[in-house]
């Protein structure tokens, strides 16, 4: 794939263009994508921008703002692909616990005057792009450099915990969106057990993403402060990660617990989904903490699965660092799903 911006004067009659968006609970990332004439060929980002969800009353307003800013080519686009954190129902409705406003495809189509709009789970989209990422965009955390043939698991913490499984087939690969983030969180150390007990004082079922997400990092920090009798603390995930990287003890402990839980969870999912083709960690704030993650208990906890350690040692776990993967994946999914150009 190529990701270098190109002039917006490109003639869309010879280079079909699609607008793709990656919608999370905090940000909307939008790209103008040249798809080419071959649905199985590469896609290219012509223009890209990130928006804060809190600044807009709905997704239609974000898209309209982007189109005006991107220029003439964007104005002429008549098709879009939207990747969102949530679950797409067969009737087109979208269920999400993490978005700031509802996604209404029919209203967006009417507002923008498009001919077609498709909605897909965000990590299902990322799975279409992450397995095509350049080697330079990947950081190996553990396991061999070359994966075995088999399914690839893509997951990552953002406003929630997203996950999708890419299954190779003789034809087009099959990508399955999952709701793995809503499975129950399990603890593996005494400190994690104490944190889990704090969580369970508020709710019976504690999902994985209650800890392994941006908001989850805040919950971990609050629970640890309470356990240690600390006053004060940090107010955002960004403050915690910044302080941890600077050596702050409580922030470092918070991030350390996060990385340990993540490693244990990834190991569980690798076994549950049979991810012999490798695991890709994508999205969220993981690229910012890449060195902390690499030197944390992540790998040890990932491998700590008893007799299955040998099997997990053969599965590479990589961190994907390309910030445009959701947008590219939405476009790639659109082409694979539709089997045609916009």
Protein backbone atom coordinates (compact mmCIF):
# COMPACT_ATOMS: atom_id res chain seq x y z
CA UNK A 1 0.00 0.00 0.00
CA UNK A 2 1.05 3.59 -0.56
CA UNK A 3 0.18 6.30 1.91
CA UNK A 4 1.78 9.41 0.42
CA UNK A 5 -0.56 12.38 -0.15
CA UNK A 6 -1.22 13.20 -3.81
CA UNK A 7 -2.59 16.35 -5.46
CA UNK A 8 -6.36 16.63 -5.07
CA UNK A 9 -6.72 17.54 -8.74
CA UNK A 10 -6.49 13.86 -9.71
CA UNK A 11 -9.13 13.00 -12.33
CA UNK A 12 -11.61 10.70 -10.64
CA UNK A 13 -12.93 9.48 -13.99
CA UNK A 14 -9.72 7.46 -14.40
CA UNK A 15 -8.95 7.00 -10.70
CA UNK A 16 -12.10 6.13 -8.68
CA UNK A 17 -12.18 7.81 -5.28
CA UNK A 18 -13.91 6.72 -2.08
CA UNK A 19 -14.30 8.55 1.21
CA UNK A 20 -13.43 6.32 4.17
CA UNK A 21 -13.82 7.08 7.87
CA UNK A 22 -12.67 5.39 11.06
CA UNK A 23 -15.04 6.43 13.86
CA UNK A 24 -14.03 5.88 17.47
CA UNK A 25 -15.31 7.15 20.76
CA UNK A 26 -12.84 10.05 20.84
CA UNK A 27 -11.74 10.76 17.27
CA UNK A 28 -12.96 10.43 13.70
CA UNK A 29 -10.23 9.78 11.14
CA UNK A 30 -11.21 10.46 7.52
CA UNK A 31 -9.36 9.79 4.31
CA UNK A 32 -9.94 10.40 0.63
CA UNK A 33 -8.93 7.11 -0.95
CA UNK A 34 -8.02 6.39 -4.56
CA UNK A 35 -9.07 2.80 -5.14
CA UNK A 36 -7.81 2.17 -8.67
CA UNK A 37 -9.68 0.19 -11.27
CA UNK A 38 -8.95 -3.25 -9.78
CA UNK A 39 -10.95 -4.12 -6.66
CA UNK A 40 -8.15 -6.40 -5.47
CA UNK A 41 -5.40 -3.84 -6.09
CA UNK A 42 -3.78 -1.35 -3.73
CA UNK A 43 -5.46 1.72 -2.28
CA UNK A 44 -3.84 5.12 -1.86
CA UNK A 45 -4.53 7.92 0.63
CA UNK A 46 -4.92 11.23 -1.20
CA UNK A 47 -5.91 13.35 1.80
CA UNK A 48 -6.28 12.61 5.52
CA UNK A 49 -7.41 14.39 8.67
CA UNK A 50 -8.39 13.59 12.27
CA UNK A 51 -11.34 15.26 14.07
CA UNK A 52 -12.39 15.32 17.74
CA UNK A 53 -15.86 13.80 18.21
CA UNK A 54 -16.69 16.24 21.00
CA UNK A 55 -16.49 19.17 18.56
CA UNK A 56 -19.43 18.00 16.42
CA UNK A 57 -23.10 17.10 17.02
CA UNK A 58 -22.95 14.05 14.75
CA UNK A 59 -20.99 12.12 12.15
CA UNK A 60 -22.77 13.77 9.20
CA UNK A 61 -21.43 17.16 10.34
CA UNK A 62 -17.89 15.78 10.63
CA UNK A 63 -18.04 14.31 7.12
CA UNK A 64 -19.52 17.50 5.66
CA UNK A 65 -16.73 19.56 7.25
CA UNK A 66 -14.09 17.24 5.88
CA UNK A 67 -15.52 17.33 2.37
CA UNK A 68 -15.50 21.12 2.31
CA UNK A 69 -11.90 21.21 3.52
CA UNK A 70 -10.63 18.47 1.20
CA UNK A 71 -11.71 20.25 -1.96
CA UNK A 72 -13.24 19.56 -5.34
CA UNK A 73 -12.44 15.86 -5.60
CA UNK A 74 -14.07 15.17 -2.23
CA UNK A 75 -17.17 17.13 -3.22
CA UNK A 76 -17.62 14.83 -6.23
CA UNK A 77 -17.32 11.62 -4.22
CA UNK A 78 -20.59 9.65 -4.11
CA UNK A 79 -19.68 6.63 -1.98
CA UNK A 80 -18.34 6.10 1.52
CA UNK A 81 -17.20 3.39 3.90
CA UNK A 82 -17.41 3.93 7.66
CA UNK A 83 -15.63 1.77 10.20
CA UNK A 84 -17.12 2.13 13.69
CA UNK A 85 -16.53 0.64 17.12
CA UNK A 86 -19.58 -1.57 17.55
CA UNK A 87 -21.70 -4.26 15.94
CA UNK A 88 -23.48 -4.06 12.58
CA UNK A 89 -26.93 -5.70 12.61
CA UNK A 90 -28.31 -7.51 9.53
CA UNK A 91 -30.89 -4.73 9.04
CA UNK A 92 -28.16 -2.07 8.91
CA UNK A 93 -28.61 -0.75 12.46
CA UNK A 94 -25.41 -0.20 14.40
CA UNK A 95 -25.03 -1.05 18.09
CA UNK A 96 -22.25 0.59 20.05
CA UNK A 97 -21.57 1.39 23.68
CA UNK A 98 -18.60 3.64 22.96
CA UNK A 99 -19.63 6.21 20.33
CA UNK A 100 -20.69 9.74 21.30
CA UNK A 101 -23.66 9.79 18.92
CA UNK A 102 -25.72 7.23 16.94
CA UNK A 103 -24.71 6.22 13.42
CA UNK A 104 -27.60 6.64 10.99
CA UNK A 105 -26.50 5.67 7.44
CA UNK A 106 -29.76 6.79 5.80
CA UNK A 107 -29.48 10.27 7.31
CA UNK A 108 -25.85 10.58 6.25
CA UNK A 109 -26.68 9.51 2.69
CA UNK A 110 -29.43 12.11 2.50
CA UNK A 111 -27.24 14.84 4.01
CA UNK A 112 -24.27 14.24 1.69
CA UNK A 113 -26.16 13.22 -1.44
CA UNK A 114 -24.21 10.00 -1.84
CA UNK A 115 -25.27 6.92 -3.78
CA UNK A 116 -23.81 4.36 -1.41
CA UNK A 117 -22.65 4.12 2.20
CA UNK A 118 -21.44 0.97 3.94
CA UNK A 119 -20.77 0.52 7.67
CA UNK A 120 -18.38 -2.06 9.12
CA UNK A 121 -16.98 -2.89 12.55
CA UNK A 122 -13.75 -0.94 13.06
CA UNK A 123 -11.53 -3.90 13.82
CA UNK A 124 -13.02 -5.92 10.99
CA UNK A 125 -11.84 -3.05 8.80
CA UNK A 126 -8.43 -2.88 10.47
CA UNK A 127 -8.00 -6.61 9.85
CA UNK A 128 -8.37 -5.95 6.12
CA UNK A 129 -5.50 -3.47 6.27
CA UNK A 130 -3.17 -4.59 9.05
CA UNK A 131 -2.15 -7.83 7.37
CA UNK A 132 -1.01 -5.76 4.37
CA UNK A 133 1.02 -3.30 6.45
CA UNK A 134 4.62 -2.69 5.47
CA UNK A 135 7.28 -4.44 7.56
CA UNK A 136 8.59 -1.03 8.60
CA UNK A 137 5.24 -0.34 10.31
CA UNK A 138 5.54 -3.42 12.52
CA UNK A 139 7.37 -3.98 15.81
CA UNK A 140 7.90 -7.61 16.90
CA UNK A 141 7.08 -8.03 20.61
CA UNK A 142 7.59 -11.78 20.85
CA UNK A 143 7.62 -14.92 18.74
CA UNK A 144 9.30 -15.75 15.41
CA UNK A 145 9.76 -13.21 12.63
CA UNK A 146 7.82 -15.34 10.12
CA UNK A 147 4.32 -16.52 11.03
CA UNK A 148 2.86 -19.90 10.14
CA UNK A 149 -0.14 -20.13 7.80
CA UNK A 150 -3.41 -19.64 9.61
CA UNK A 151 -5.82 -17.10 11.07
CA UNK A 152 -4.52 -13.69 12.14
CA UNK A 153 -5.96 -11.96 15.19
CA UNK A 154 -6.05 -8.15 15.21
CA UNK A 155 -6.92 -6.35 18.43
CA UNK A 156 -6.30 -3.14 20.27
CA UNK A 157 -7.42 -0.86 23.09
CA UNK A 158 -9.09 2.44 22.28
CA UNK A 159 -12.30 3.73 23.82
CA UNK A 160 -13.09 0.01 24.12
CA UNK A 161 -11.20 -3.17 23.20
CA UNK A 162 -11.68 -4.16 19.57
CA UNK A 163 -10.81 -7.50 18.00
CA UNK A 164 -11.27 -9.26 14.68
CA UNK A 165 -10.05 -12.52 13.16
CA UNK A 166 -8.78 -12.77 9.58
CA UNK A 167 -9.09 -16.30 8.17
CA UNK A 168 -7.27 -17.08 4.92
CA UNK A 169 -9.24 -19.02 2.31
CA UNK A 170 -8.63 -20.13 -1.26
CA UNK A 171 -10.52 -17.07 -2.44
CA UNK A 172 -11.10 -13.80 -0.61
CA UNK A 173 -10.01 -13.91 3.07
CA UNK A 174 -12.82 -14.11 5.62
CA UNK A 175 -12.75 -11.52 8.40
CA UNK A 176 -14.88 -12.06 11.49
CA UNK A 177 -15.65 -9.17 13.84
CA UNK A 178 -15.80 -10.16 17.50
CA UNK A 179 -17.04 -8.68 20.76
CA UNK A 180 -14.07 -10.08 22.66
CA UNK A 181 -13.81 -6.89 24.71
CA UNK A 182 -17.04 -7.82 26.49
CA UNK A 183 -15.76 -11.19 27.71
CA UNK A 184 -14.99 -11.38 31.42
CA UNK A 185 -11.72 -9.94 32.72
CA UNK A 186 -9.49 -12.38 34.61
CA UNK A 187 -6.63 -11.50 36.96
CA UNK A 188 -3.30 -13.31 37.20
CA UNK A 189 -1.40 -11.60 40.03
CA UNK A 190 -2.33 -10.65 43.58
CA UNK A 191 -2.33 -6.96 42.66
CA UNK A 192 -4.58 -7.61 39.66
CA UNK A 193 -6.92 -9.66 41.84
CA UNK A 194 -7.15 -6.76 44.29
CA UNK A 195 -7.95 -4.39 41.41
CA UNK A 196 -10.57 -6.80 40.06
CA UNK A 197 -12.22 -6.94 43.49
CA UNK A 198 -12.41 -3.14 43.46
CA UNK A 199 -14.11 -3.29 40.05
CA UNK A 200 -16.54 -5.96 41.26
CA UNK A 201 -17.74 -3.69 44.06
CA UNK A 202 -19.43 -1.63 41.33
CA UNK A 203 -20.54 -4.33 38.86
CA UNK A 204 -20.91 -8.09 38.78
CA UNK A 205 -19.64 -8.68 35.25
CA UNK A 206 -16.33 -6.93 34.59
CA UNK A 207 -15.59 -7.02 30.86
CA UNK A 208 -12.04 -7.05 29.53
CA UNK A 209 -12.38 -3.57 28.08
CA UNK A 210 -13.27 -2.21 31.52
CA UNK A 211 -9.50 -2.37 32.11
CA UNK A 212 -7.96 -2.75 28.64
CA UNK A 213 -8.98 0.51 26.99
CA UNK A 214 -8.30 4.21 27.37
CA UNK A 215 -11.06 4.63 29.98
CA UNK A 216 -9.92 1.30 31.44
CA UNK A 217 -6.46 2.73 32.09
CA UNK A 218 -8.16 5.45 34.13
CA UNK A 219 -10.10 2.83 36.11
CA UNK A 220 -6.93 0.88 36.81
CA UNK A 221 -5.24 4.06 38.01
CA UNK A 222 -8.16 4.97 40.28
CA UNK A 223 -8.30 1.44 41.75
CA UNK A 224 -4.56 1.38 42.44
CA UNK A 225 -4.69 4.81 44.07
CA UNK A 226 -7.52 3.60 46.30
CA UNK A 227 -5.66 0.42 47.23
CA UNK A 228 -2.55 2.40 48.14
CA UNK A 229 -4.45 5.20 49.89
CA UNK A 230 -3.15 7.82 47.45
CA UNK A 231 -4.64 11.25 47.06
CA UNK A 232 -4.72 13.04 43.76
CA UNK A 233 -3.65 11.32 40.56
CA UNK A 234 -4.05 11.86 36.85
CA UNK A 235 -7.19 12.80 34.96
CA UNK A 236 -6.67 11.39 31.44
CA UNK A 237 -5.07 8.32 29.84
CA UNK A 238 -2.60 10.65 28.11
CA UNK A 239 -1.47 12.06 31.46
CA UNK A 240 -0.97 8.55 32.84
CA UNK A 241 1.08 7.32 29.89
CA UNK A 242 3.16 10.50 29.78
CA UNK A 243 3.87 10.29 33.51
CA UNK A 244 4.67 6.57 33.28
CA UNK A 245 7.17 7.15 30.49
CA UNK A 246 8.74 9.88 32.63
CA UNK A 247 9.19 7.43 35.51
CA UNK A 248 6.33 8.37 37.87
CA UNK A 249 5.94 5.36 40.22
CA UNK A 250 2.14 5.15 40.43
CA UNK A 251 1.61 5.85 36.73
CA UNK A 252 4.29 3.26 35.90
CA UNK A 253 2.57 0.73 38.15
CA UNK A 254 -0.75 1.47 36.41
CA UNK A 255 0.72 1.00 32.97
CA UNK A 256 2.58 -2.11 34.13
CA UNK A 257 -0.66 -3.71 35.34
CA UNK A 258 -2.30 -2.74 32.04
CA UNK A 259 0.48 -4.40 30.01
CA UNK A 260 0.37 -7.55 32.14
CA UNK A 261 -3.39 -7.90 31.75
CA UNK A 262 -3.06 -7.24 28.03
CA UNK A 263 -0.43 -9.98 27.65
CA UNK A 264 -2.55 -12.50 29.52
CA UNK A 265 -5.65 -11.58 27.51
CA UNK A 266 -3.82 -11.78 24.17
CA UNK A 267 -2.53 -15.24 25.11
CA UNK A 268 -6.04 -16.40 25.95
CA UNK A 269 -7.40 -15.07 22.66
CA UNK A 270 -4.58 -16.66 20.66
CA UNK A 271 -5.60 -20.04 22.06
CA UNK A 272 -9.35 -19.43 21.76
CA UNK A 273 -9.17 -18.30 18.13
CA UNK A 274 -6.30 -20.51 16.95
CA UNK A 275 -4.36 -17.47 15.71
CA UNK A 276 -1.45 -19.42 14.20
CA UNK A 277 -0.95 -16.74 11.55
CA UNK A 278 0.05 -14.18 14.17
CA UNK A 279 -1.36 -11.43 16.34
CA UNK A 280 -1.35 -7.73 15.45
CA UNK A 281 -1.88 -5.11 18.13
CA UNK A 282 -3.30 -1.99 16.52
CA UNK A 283 -4.96 1.27 17.40
CA UNK A 284 -5.29 3.25 20.58
CA UNK A 285 -2.29 4.49 22.52
CA UNK A 286 -0.10 1.37 22.19
CA UNK A 287 2.33 2.94 19.68
CA UNK A 288 3.04 5.71 22.20
CA UNK A 289 4.07 3.17 24.86
CA UNK A 290 5.86 0.77 22.50
CA UNK A 291 9.14 0.69 24.45
CA UNK A 292 7.36 0.42 27.81
CA UNK A 293 5.24 -2.43 26.41
CA UNK A 294 8.30 -4.23 25.03
CA UNK A 295 10.04 -4.15 28.43
CA UNK A 296 6.94 -4.89 30.50
CA UNK A 297 5.54 -8.24 31.65
CA UNK A 298 3.46 -8.43 28.45
CA UNK A 299 5.46 -11.21 26.76
CA UNK A 300 5.88 -13.25 29.95
CA UNK A 301 2.16 -13.08 30.68
CA UNK A 302 1.30 -13.88 27.05
CA UNK A 303 3.37 -17.06 27.22
CA UNK A 304 2.26 -18.08 30.72
CA UNK A 305 -0.32 -20.63 29.59
CA UNK A 306 1.08 -23.86 31.04
CA UNK A 307 1.50 -26.65 28.53
CA UNK A 308 0.45 -24.32 25.68
CA UNK A 309 3.51 -22.10 26.09
CA UNK A 310 5.33 -23.98 23.31
CA UNK A 311 2.43 -23.35 20.92
CA UNK A 312 2.33 -19.63 21.77
CA UNK A 313 6.09 -19.31 21.28
CA UNK A 314 5.48 -20.08 17.58
CA UNK A 315 2.94 -17.25 17.16
CA UNK A 316 4.44 -13.80 16.44
CA UNK A 317 2.91 -10.82 18.22
CA UNK A 318 3.50 -7.50 16.49
CA UNK A 319 2.60 -3.91 17.22
CA UNK A 320 1.21 -2.10 14.15
CA UNK A 321 2.11 1.56 14.19
CA UNK A 322 0.35 2.98 11.13
CA UNK A 323 -2.14 5.62 12.26
CA UNK A 324 -4.26 5.42 9.08
CA UNK A 325 -5.02 1.69 9.23
CA UNK A 326 -8.69 2.14 10.12
CA UNK A 327 -9.32 4.42 7.15
CA UNK A 328 -7.38 2.22 4.74
CA UNK A 329 -9.08 -0.86 6.14
CA UNK A 330 -12.55 0.64 5.65
CA UNK A 331 -11.74 1.32 2.00
CA UNK A 332 -10.21 -2.12 1.55
CA UNK A 333 -13.24 -3.75 3.16
CA UNK A 334 -15.57 -1.74 0.90
CA UNK A 335 -13.81 -3.03 -2.20
CA UNK A 336 -13.70 -6.62 -0.95
CA UNK A 337 -17.30 -6.49 0.23
CA UNK A 338 -18.77 -4.75 -2.80
CA UNK A 339 -16.49 -6.36 -5.39
CA UNK A 340 -16.60 -3.16 -7.38
CA UNK A 341 -15.39 0.42 -7.43
CA UNK A 342 -17.40 3.30 -5.90
